[in-house]
């Protein structure tokens, strides 16, 4: 059984107004991840991402690309508690 990992991810750059949250939900669903994504007042996007270690690692790589119109300047991560993960992956507005 794969181990579960959970991370809080902050993505900075041109990441609001480009469909980043919608794109994140699609990518996370495809990878079978749990969590959420939301815009922040400072223009960044924050996500709680959790699931199998390899799927979380793949999502971290994808955050560096983002949707076509995005321009990612940085991706920072910090550990999170896997027990805080919701049942699926959702966009918080």
PDB file of N, CA and C in Angstrom:
ATOM      1  N   UNK A   1       0.855  -1.187   0.000  1.00  0.00           N
ATOM      2  CA  UNK A   1       0.000   0.000   0.000  1.00  0.00           C
ATOM      3  C   UNK A   1       0.896   1.245   0.000  1.00  0.00           C
ATOM      4  N   UNK A   2       0.643   2.187  -0.921  1.00  0.00           N
ATOM      5  CA  UNK A   2       1.484   3.392  -0.963  1.00  0.00           C
ATOM      6  C   UNK A   2       1.257   4.260   0.268  1.00  0.00           C
ATOM      7  N   UNK A   3       2.333   4.905   0.682  1.00  0.00           N
ATOM      8  CA  UNK A   3       2.208   5.783   1.849  1.00  0.00           C
ATOM      9  C   UNK A   3       1.572   7.107   1.442  1.00  0.00           C
ATOM     10  N   UNK A   4       0.808   7.681   2.361  1.00  0.00           N
ATOM     11  CA  UNK A   4       0.181   8.971   2.100  1.00  0.00           C
ATOM     12  C   UNK A   4       1.084  10.094   2.565  1.00  0.00           C
ATOM     13  N   UNK A   5       1.108  11.137   1.769  1.00  0.00           N
ATOM     14  CA  UNK A   5       1.893  12.324   2.057  1.00  0.00           C
ATOM     15  C   UNK A   5       0.964  13.510   1.879  1.00  0.00           C
ATOM     16  N   UNK A   6       1.155  14.564   2.669  1.00  0.00           N
ATOM     17  CA  UNK A   6       0.343  15.776   2.529  1.00  0.00           C
ATOM     18  C   UNK A   6       1.254  16.990   2.628  1.00  0.00           C
ATOM     19  N   UNK A   7       1.040  17.946   1.735  1.00  0.00           N
ATOM     20  CA  UNK A   7       1.849  19.158   1.686  1.00  0.00           C
ATOM     21  C   UNK A   7       0.977  20.381   1.455  1.00  0.00           C
ATOM     22  N   UNK A   8       1.395  21.494   2.042  1.00  0.00           N
ATOM     23  CA  UNK A   8       0.828  22.798   1.693  1.00  0.00           C
ATOM     24  C   UNK A   8       1.780  23.391   0.660  1.00  0.00           C
ATOM     25  N   UNK A   9       1.227  23.797  -0.468  1.00  0.00           N
ATOM     26  CA  UNK A   9       2.032  24.309  -1.574  1.00  0.00           C
ATOM     27  C   UNK A   9       1.619  25.746  -1.869  1.00  0.00           C
ATOM     28  N   UNK A  10       2.598  26.621  -1.991  1.00  0.00           N
ATOM     29  CA  UNK A  10       2.345  28.012  -2.367  1.00  0.00           C
ATOM     30  C   UNK A  10       3.004  28.262  -3.720  1.00  0.00           C
ATOM     31  N   UNK A  11       2.199  28.721  -4.673  1.00  0.00           N
ATOM     32  CA  UNK A  11       2.688  28.964  -6.027  1.00  0.00           C
ATOM     33  C   UNK A  11       2.604  30.464  -6.298  1.00  0.00           C
ATOM     34  N   UNK A  12       3.723  31.045  -6.702  1.00  0.00           N
ATOM     35  CA  UNK A  12       3.782  32.484  -6.972  1.00  0.00           C
ATOM     36  C   UNK A  12       4.173  32.733  -8.421  1.00  0.00           C
ATOM     37  N   UNK A  13       3.768  33.905  -8.892  1.00  0.00           N
ATOM     38  CA  UNK A  13       4.012  34.304 -10.274  1.00  0.00           C
ATOM     39  C   UNK A  13       2.706  34.805 -10.855  1.00  0.00           C
ATOM     40  N   UNK A  14       2.535  34.618 -12.145  1.00  0.00           N
ATOM     41  CA  UNK A  14       1.258  34.966 -12.794  1.00  0.00           C
ATOM     42  C   UNK A  14       0.373  33.730 -12.713  1.00  0.00           C
ATOM     43  N   UNK A  15      -0.313  33.598 -11.556  1.00  0.00           N
ATOM     44  CA  UNK A  15      -1.065  32.376 -11.290  1.00  0.00           C
ATOM     45  C   UNK A  15      -2.534  32.627 -10.958  1.00  0.00           C
ATOM     46  N   UNK A  16      -2.963  33.877 -10.942  1.00  0.00           N
ATOM     47  CA  UNK A  16      -4.391  34.185 -10.775  1.00  0.00           C
ATOM     48  C   UNK A  16      -4.908  34.777 -12.074  1.00  0.00           C
ATOM     49  N   UNK A  17      -6.164  34.458 -12.382  1.00  0.00           N
ATOM     50  CA  UNK A  17      -6.773  34.963 -13.613  1.00  0.00           C
ATOM     51  C   UNK A  17      -6.358  34.185 -14.845  1.00  0.00           C
ATOM     52  N   UNK A  18      -5.735  33.019 -14.649  1.00  0.00           N
ATOM     53  CA  UNK A  18      -5.270  32.206 -15.772  1.00  0.00           C
ATOM     54  C   UNK A  18      -5.814  30.777 -15.714  1.00  0.00           C
ATOM     55  N   UNK A  19      -6.789  30.535 -14.848  1.00  0.00           N
ATOM     56  CA  UNK A  19      -7.384  29.203 -14.717  1.00  0.00           C
ATOM     57  C   UNK A  19      -6.564  28.236 -13.886  1.00  0.00           C
ATOM     58  N   UNK A  20      -5.693  28.763 -13.033  1.00  0.00           N
ATOM     59  CA  UNK A  20      -4.798  27.900 -12.262  1.00  0.00           C
ATOM     60  C   UNK A  20      -5.552  26.978 -11.311  1.00  0.00           C
ATOM     61  N   UNK A  21      -6.566  27.491 -10.629  1.00  0.00           N
ATOM     62  CA  UNK A  21      -7.316  26.641  -9.695  1.00  0.00           C
ATOM     63  C   UNK A  21      -8.043  25.522 -10.430  1.00  0.00           C
ATOM     64  N   UNK A  22      -8.711  25.854 -11.508  1.00  0.00           N
ATOM     65  CA  UNK A  22      -9.433  24.847 -12.293  1.00  0.00           C
ATOM     66  C   UNK A  22      -8.454  23.790 -12.814  1.00  0.00           C
ATOM     67  N   UNK A  23      -7.331  24.240 -13.343  1.00  0.00           N
ATOM     68  CA  UNK A  23      -6.297  23.344 -13.857  1.00  0.00           C
ATOM     69  C   UNK A  23      -5.784  22.423 -12.746  1.00  0.00           C
ATOM     70  N   UNK A  24      -5.568  22.985 -11.554  1.00  0.00           N
ATOM     71  CA  UNK A  24      -5.074  22.201 -10.425  1.00  0.00           C
ATOM     72  C   UNK A  24      -6.053  21.102 -10.054  1.00  0.00           C
ATOM     73  N   UNK A  25      -7.332  21.425  -9.996  1.00  0.00           N
ATOM     74  CA  UNK A  25      -8.355  20.414  -9.677  1.00  0.00           C
ATOM     75  C   UNK A  25      -8.316  19.288 -10.705  1.00  0.00           C
ATOM     76  N   UNK A  26      -8.233  19.632 -11.984  1.00  0.00           N
ATOM     77  CA  UNK A  26      -8.190  18.604 -13.039  1.00  0.00           C
ATOM     78  C   UNK A  26      -6.965  17.706 -12.892  1.00  0.00           C
ATOM     79  N   UNK A  27      -5.799  18.314 -12.675  1.00  0.00           N
ATOM     80  CA  UNK A  27      -4.562  17.532 -12.542  1.00  0.00           C
ATOM     81  C   UNK A  27      -4.614  16.644 -11.301  1.00  0.00           C
ATOM     82  N   UNK A  28      -5.062  17.204 -10.179  1.00  0.00           N
ATOM     83  CA  UNK A  28      -5.132  16.455  -8.925  1.00  0.00           C
ATOM     84  C   UNK A  28      -6.116  15.284  -9.036  1.00  0.00           C
ATOM     85  N   UNK A  29      -7.260  15.528  -9.657  1.00  0.00           N
ATOM     86  CA  UNK A  29      -8.231  14.450  -9.849  1.00  0.00           C
ATOM     87  C   UNK A  29      -7.628  13.331 -10.692  1.00  0.00           C
ATOM     88  N   UNK A  30      -6.925  13.682 -11.753  1.00  0.00           N
ATOM     89  CA  UNK A  30      -6.313  12.685 -12.630  1.00  0.00           C
ATOM     90  C   UNK A  30      -5.269  11.850 -11.888  1.00  0.00           C
ATOM     91  N   UNK A  31      -4.618  12.454 -10.902  1.00  0.00           N
ATOM     92  CA  UNK A  31      -3.590  11.749 -10.129  1.00  0.00           C
ATOM     93  C   UNK A  31      -4.155  11.055  -8.888  1.00  0.00           C
ATOM     94  N   UNK A  32      -5.466  11.204  -8.645  1.00  0.00           N
ATOM     95  CA  UNK A  32      -6.095  10.569  -7.497  1.00  0.00           C
ATOM     96  C   UNK A  32      -5.753  11.232  -6.171  1.00  0.00           C
ATOM     97  N   UNK A  33      -5.466  12.526  -6.209  1.00  0.00           N
ATOM     98  CA  UNK A  33      -5.082  13.258  -5.000  1.00  0.00           C
ATOM     99  C   UNK A  33      -6.293  13.811  -4.262  1.00  0.00           C
ATOM    100  N   UNK A  34      -6.081  14.144  -3.001  1.00  0.00           N
ATOM    101  CA  UNK A  34      -7.085  14.801  -2.170  1.00  0.00           C
ATOM    102  C   UNK A  34      -6.554  16.171  -1.791  1.00  0.00           C
ATOM    103  N   UNK A  35      -7.478  17.096  -1.464  1.00  0.00           N
ATOM    104  CA  UNK A  35      -7.048  18.406  -0.996  1.00  0.00           C
ATOM    105  C   UNK A  35      -7.915  19.519  -1.525  1.00  0.00           C
ATOM    106  N   UNK A  36      -7.308  20.704  -1.608  1.00  0.00           N
ATOM    107  CA  UNK A  36      -8.021  21.885  -2.073  1.00  0.00           C
ATOM    108  C   UNK A  36      -7.018  22.881  -2.656  1.00  0.00           C
ATOM    109  N   UNK A  37      -7.554  23.864  -3.380  1.00  0.00           N
ATOM    110  CA  UNK A  37      -6.744  24.945  -3.951  1.00  0.00           C
ATOM    111  C   UNK A  37      -7.524  26.244  -3.816  1.00  0.00           C
ATOM    112  N   UNK A  38      -6.810  27.346  -3.527  1.00  0.00           N
ATOM    113  CA  UNK A  38      -7.477  28.645  -3.391  1.00  0.00           C
ATOM    114  C   UNK A  38      -6.521  29.764  -3.785  1.00  0.00           C
ATOM    115  N   UNK A  39      -7.116  30.896  -4.214  1.00  0.00           N
ATOM    116  CA  UNK A  39      -6.352  32.118  -4.460  1.00  0.00           C
ATOM    117  C   UNK A  39      -6.085  32.810  -3.132  1.00  0.00           C
ATOM    118  N   UNK A  40      -4.958  33.506  -3.048  1.00  0.00           N
ATOM    119  CA  UNK A  40      -4.615  34.283  -1.866  1.00  0.00           C
ATOM    120  C   UNK A  40      -4.649  35.770  -2.209  1.00  0.00           C
ATOM    121  N   UNK A  41      -4.894  36.635  -1.217  1.00  0.00           N
ATOM    122  CA  UNK A  41      -4.956  38.084  -1.463  1.00  0.00           C
ATOM    123  C   UNK A  41      -3.665  38.669  -2.048  1.00  0.00           C
ATOM    124  N   UNK A  42      -2.524  38.019  -1.810  1.00  0.00           N
ATOM    125  CA  UNK A  42      -1.251  38.548  -2.321  1.00  0.00           C
ATOM    126  C   UNK A  42      -0.973  38.154  -3.769  1.00  0.00           C
ATOM    127  N   UNK A  43      -1.924  37.461  -4.420  1.00  0.00           N
ATOM    128  CA  UNK A  43      -1.754  37.084  -5.819  1.00  0.00           C
ATOM    129  C   UNK A  43      -1.216  35.679  -6.026  1.00  0.00           C
ATOM    130  N   UNK A  44      -0.894  34.989  -4.947  1.00  0.00           N
ATOM    131  CA  UNK A  44      -0.406  33.614  -5.052  1.00  0.00           C
ATOM    132  C   UNK A  44      -1.574  32.634  -5.017  1.00  0.00           C
ATOM    133  N   UNK A  45      -1.265  31.375  -5.219  1.00  0.00           N
ATOM    134  CA  UNK A  45      -2.240  30.294  -5.099  1.00  0.00           C
ATOM    135  C   UNK A  45      -1.695  29.324  -4.060  1.00  0.00           C
ATOM    136  N   UNK A  46      -2.562  28.883  -3.143  1.00  0.00           N
ATOM    137  CA  UNK A  46      -2.183  27.904  -2.130  1.00  0.00           C
ATOM    138  C   UNK A  46      -2.991  26.635  -2.349  1.00  0.00           C
ATOM    139  N   UNK A  47      -2.330  25.495  -2.157  1.00  0.00           N
ATOM    140  CA  UNK A  47      -3.016  24.210  -2.276  1.00  0.00           C
ATOM    141  C   UNK A  47      -2.591  23.288  -1.147  1.00  0.00           C
ATOM    142  N   UNK A  48      -3.537  22.515  -0.670  1.00  0.00           N
ATOM    143  CA  UNK A  48      -3.265  21.378   0.197  1.00  0.00           C
ATOM    144  C   UNK A  48      -3.366  20.163  -0.708  1.00  0.00           C
ATOM    145  N   UNK A  49      -2.284  19.417  -0.816  1.00  0.00           N
ATOM    146  CA  UNK A  49      -2.224  18.289  -1.745  1.00  0.00           C
ATOM    147  C   UNK A  49      -1.799  17.055  -0.974  1.00  0.00           C
ATOM    148  N   UNK A  50      -2.545  15.966  -1.128  1.00  0.00           N
ATOM    149  CA  UNK A  50      -2.186  14.753  -0.421  1.00  0.00           C
ATOM    150  C   UNK A  50      -2.589  13.502  -1.158  1.00  0.00           C
ATOM    151  N   UNK A  51      -1.870  12.444  -0.856  1.00  0.00           N
ATOM    152  CA  UNK A  51      -2.143  11.155  -1.458  1.00  0.00           C
ATOM    153  C   UNK A  51      -0.879  10.334  -1.529  1.00  0.00           C
ATOM    154  N   UNK A  52      -0.833   9.417  -2.475  1.00  0.00           N
ATOM    155  CA  UNK A  52       0.337   8.562  -2.660  1.00  0.00           C
ATOM    156  C   UNK A  52       1.571   9.424  -2.954  1.00  0.00           C
ATOM    157  N   UNK A  53       2.683   9.024  -2.386  1.00  0.00           N
ATOM    158  CA  UNK A  53       3.927   9.778  -2.503  1.00  0.00           C
ATOM    159  C   UNK A  53       4.286  10.107  -3.951  1.00  0.00           C
ATOM    160  N   UNK A  54       4.188   9.122  -4.852  1.00  0.00           N
ATOM    161  CA  UNK A  54       4.554   9.368  -6.249  1.00  0.00           C
ATOM    162  C   UNK A  54       3.596  10.346  -6.932  1.00  0.00           C
ATOM    163  N   UNK A  55       2.318  10.301  -6.591  1.00  0.00           N
ATOM    164  CA  UNK A  55       1.334  11.223  -7.171  1.00  0.00           C
ATOM    165  C   UNK A  55       1.560  12.646  -6.665  1.00  0.00           C
ATOM    166  N   UNK A  56       1.883  12.788  -5.380  1.00  0.00           N
ATOM    167  CA  UNK A  56       2.181  14.119  -4.825  1.00  0.00           C
ATOM    168  C   UNK A  56       3.421  14.687  -5.495  1.00  0.00           C
ATOM    169  N   UNK A  57       4.450  13.872  -5.673  1.00  0.00           N
ATOM    170  CA  UNK A  57       5.684  14.317  -6.339  1.00  0.00           C
ATOM    171  C   UNK A  57       5.402  14.775  -7.766  1.00  0.00           C
ATOM    172  N   UNK A  58       4.561  14.036  -8.485  1.00  0.00           N
ATOM    173  CA  UNK A  58       4.192  14.412  -9.856  1.00  0.00           C
ATOM    174  C   UNK A  58       3.447  15.751  -9.860  1.00  0.00           C
ATOM    175  N   UNK A  59       2.542  15.948  -8.888  1.00  0.00           N
ATOM    176  CA  UNK A  59       1.795  17.207  -8.815  1.00  0.00           C
ATOM    177  C   UNK A  59       2.733  18.363  -8.543  1.00  0.00           C
ATOM    178  N   UNK A  60       3.729  18.171  -7.683  1.00  0.00           N
ATOM    179  CA  UNK A  60       4.708  19.231  -7.423  1.00  0.00           C
ATOM    180  C   UNK A  60       5.431  19.620  -8.709  1.00  0.00           C
ATOM    181  N   UNK A  61       5.785  18.650  -9.528  1.00  0.00           N
ATOM    182  CA  UNK A  61       6.406  18.947 -10.828  1.00  0.00           C
ATOM    183  C   UNK A  61       5.446  19.730 -11.720  1.00  0.00           C
ATOM    184  N   UNK A  62       4.180  19.336 -11.732  1.00  0.00           N
ATOM    185  CA  UNK A  62       3.191  20.013 -12.573  1.00  0.00           C
ATOM    186  C   UNK A  62       2.963  21.455 -12.137  1.00  0.00           C
ATOM    187  N   UNK A  63       3.038  21.727 -10.829  1.00  0.00           N
ATOM    188  CA  UNK A  63       2.862  23.102 -10.357  1.00  0.00           C
ATOM    189  C   UNK A  63       3.868  24.054 -11.005  1.00  0.00           C
ATOM    190  N   UNK A  64       5.047  23.586 -11.323  1.00  0.00           N
ATOM    191  CA  UNK A  64       6.061  24.449 -11.945  1.00  0.00           C
ATOM    192  C   UNK A  64       5.668  24.857 -13.367  1.00  0.00           C
ATOM    193  N   UNK A  65       4.799  24.068 -13.996  1.00  0.00           N
ATOM    194  CA  UNK A  65       4.344  24.382 -15.358  1.00  0.00           C
ATOM    195  C   UNK A  65       3.051  25.183 -15.321  1.00  0.00           C
ATOM    196  N   UNK A  66       2.055  24.670 -14.607  1.00  0.00           N
ATOM    197  CA  UNK A  66       0.761  25.335 -14.540  1.00  0.00           C
ATOM    198  C   UNK A  66       0.035  25.297 -15.864  1.00  0.00           C
ATOM    199  N   UNK A  67      -1.111  25.955 -15.945  1.00  0.00           N
ATOM    200  CA  UNK A  67      -1.842  26.024 -17.207  1.00  0.00           C
ATOM    201  C   UNK A  67      -1.099  26.903 -18.209  1.00  0.00           C
ATOM    202  N   UNK A  68      -1.504  26.836 -19.439  1.00  0.00           N
ATOM    203  CA  UNK A  68      -0.808  27.512 -20.541  1.00  0.00           C
ATOM    204  C   UNK A  68      -0.540  28.996 -20.299  1.00  0.00           C
ATOM    205  N   UNK A  69      -1.478  29.726 -19.748  1.00  0.00           N
ATOM    206  CA  UNK A  69      -1.335  31.173 -19.567  1.00  0.00           C
ATOM    207  C   UNK A  69      -0.571  31.574 -18.301  1.00  0.00           C
ATOM    208  N   UNK A  70      -0.243  30.599 -17.464  1.00  0.00           N
ATOM    209  CA  UNK A  70       0.449  30.907 -16.207  1.00  0.00           C
ATOM    210  C   UNK A  70       1.942  31.120 -16.441  1.00  0.00           C
ATOM    211  N   UNK A  71       2.546  31.841 -15.515  1.00  0.00           N
ATOM    212  CA  UNK A  71       3.998  31.998 -15.477  1.00  0.00           C
ATOM    213  C   UNK A  71       4.418  31.821 -14.018  1.00  0.00           C
ATOM    214  N   UNK A  72       4.941  30.651 -13.690  1.00  0.00           N
ATOM    215  CA  UNK A  72       5.265  30.310 -12.309  1.00  0.00           C
ATOM    216  C   UNK A  72       6.670  30.793 -11.975  1.00  0.00           C
ATOM    217  N   UNK A  73       6.765  31.580 -10.895  1.00  0.00           N
ATOM    218  CA  UNK A  73       8.057  32.092 -10.442  1.00  0.00           C
ATOM    219  C   UNK A  73       8.639  31.239  -9.328  1.00  0.00           C
ATOM    220  N   UNK A  74       7.784  30.711  -8.444  1.00  0.00           N
ATOM    221  CA  UNK A  74       8.281  29.876  -7.355  1.00  0.00           C
ATOM    222  C   UNK A  74       7.195  28.941  -6.851  1.00  0.00           C
ATOM    223  N   UNK A  75       7.655  27.820  -6.313  1.00  0.00           N
ATOM    224  CA  UNK A  75       6.781  26.840  -5.677  1.00  0.00           C
ATOM    225  C   UNK A  75       7.444  26.495  -4.349  1.00  0.00           C
ATOM    226  N   UNK A  76       6.761  26.783  -3.254  1.00  0.00           N
ATOM    227  CA  UNK A  76       7.297  26.432  -1.945  1.00  0.00           C
ATOM    228  C   UNK A  76       6.374  25.430  -1.283  1.00  0.00           C
ATOM    229  N   UNK A  77       6.963  24.561  -0.483  1.00  0.00           N
ATOM    230  CA  UNK A  77       6.179  23.510   0.163  1.00  0.00           C
ATOM    231  C   UNK A  77       6.486  23.452   1.651  1.00  0.00           C
ATOM    232  N   UNK A  78       5.505  23.003   2.390  1.00  0.00           N
ATOM    233  CA  UNK A  78       5.703  22.707   3.810  1.00  0.00           C
ATOM    234  C   UNK A  78       4.845  21.491   4.130  1.00  0.00           C
ATOM    235  N   UNK A  79       5.269  20.692   5.100  1.00  0.00           N
ATOM    236  CA  UNK A  79       4.502  19.491   5.437  1.00  0.00           C
ATOM    237  C   UNK A  79       3.134  19.838   6.020  1.00  0.00           C
ATOM    238  N   UNK A  80       2.193  18.946   5.796  1.00  0.00           N
ATOM    239  CA  UNK A  80       0.853  19.080   6.355  1.00  0.00           C
ATOM    240  C   UNK A  80       0.451  17.721   6.940  1.00  0.00           C
ATOM    241  N   UNK A  81      -0.570  17.731   7.738  1.00  0.00           N
ATOM    242  CA  UNK A  81      -1.061  16.514   8.364  1.00  0.00           C
ATOM    243  C   UNK A  81      -2.003  15.783   7.404  1.00  0.00           C
ATOM    244  N   UNK A  82      -1.683  14.554   6.990  1.00  0.00           N
ATOM    245  CA  UNK A  82      -2.572  13.830   6.080  1.00  0.00           C
ATOM    246  C   UNK A  82      -3.993  13.659   6.613  1.00  0.00           C
ATOM    247  N   UNK A  83      -4.180  13.667   7.925  1.00  0.00           N
ATOM    248  CA  UNK A  83      -5.529  13.505   8.476  1.00  0.00           C
ATOM    249  C   UNK A  83      -6.407  14.733   8.210  1.00  0.00           C
ATOM    250  N   UNK A  84      -5.796  15.851   7.776  1.00  0.00           N
ATOM    251  CA  UNK A  84      -6.556  17.067   7.462  1.00  0.00           C
ATOM    252  C   UNK A  84      -7.111  17.062   6.043  1.00  0.00           C
ATOM    253  N   UNK A  85      -6.801  16.032   5.273  1.00  0.00           N
ATOM    254  CA  UNK A  85      -7.238  15.984   3.875  1.00  0.00           C
ATOM    255  C   UNK A  85      -8.734  15.711   3.760  1.00  0.00           C
ATOM    256  N   UNK A  86      -9.427  16.432   2.852  1.00  0.00           N
ATOM    257  CA  UNK A  86     -10.836  16.127   2.591  1.00  0.00           C
ATOM    258  C   UNK A  86     -10.951  14.842   1.764  1.00  0.00           C
ATOM    259  N   UNK A  87     -12.163  14.433   1.485  1.00  0.00           N
ATOM    260  CA  UNK A  87     -12.398  13.184   0.748  1.00  0.00           C
ATOM    261  C   UNK A  87     -11.936  13.254  -0.703  1.00  0.00           C
ATOM    262  N   UNK A  88     -12.049  14.421  -1.336  1.00  0.00           N
ATOM    263  CA  UNK A  88     -11.660  14.554  -2.734  1.00  0.00           C
ATOM    264  C   UNK A  88     -10.770  15.778  -2.909  1.00  0.00           C
ATOM    265  N   UNK A  89     -10.819  16.373  -4.100  1.00  0.00           N
ATOM    266  CA  UNK A  89     -10.048  17.593  -4.350  1.00  0.00           C
ATOM    267  C   UNK A  89     -11.008  18.669  -4.825  1.00  0.00           C
ATOM    268  N   UNK A  90     -10.925  19.847  -4.218  1.00  0.00           N
ATOM    269  CA  UNK A  90     -11.885  20.892  -4.508  1.00  0.00           C
ATOM    270  C   UNK A  90     -11.220  22.260  -4.655  1.00  0.00           C
ATOM    271  N   UNK A  91     -11.924  23.132  -5.315  1.00  0.00           N
ATOM    272  CA  UNK A  91     -11.503  24.539  -5.466  1.00  0.00           C
ATOM    273  C   UNK A  91     -12.234  25.353  -4.417  1.00  0.00           C
ATOM    274  N   UNK A  92     -11.471  26.142  -3.663  1.00  0.00           N
ATOM    275  CA  UNK A  92     -12.080  27.037  -2.672  1.00  0.00           C
ATOM    276  C   UNK A  92     -12.141  28.438  -3.262  1.00  0.00           C
ATOM    277  N   UNK A  93     -13.323  29.018  -3.271  1.00  0.00           N
ATOM    278  CA  UNK A  93     -13.480  30.370  -3.825  1.00  0.00           C
ATOM    279  C   UNK A  93     -13.574  31.375  -2.739  1.00  0.00           C
TER     280      UNK A  93
END
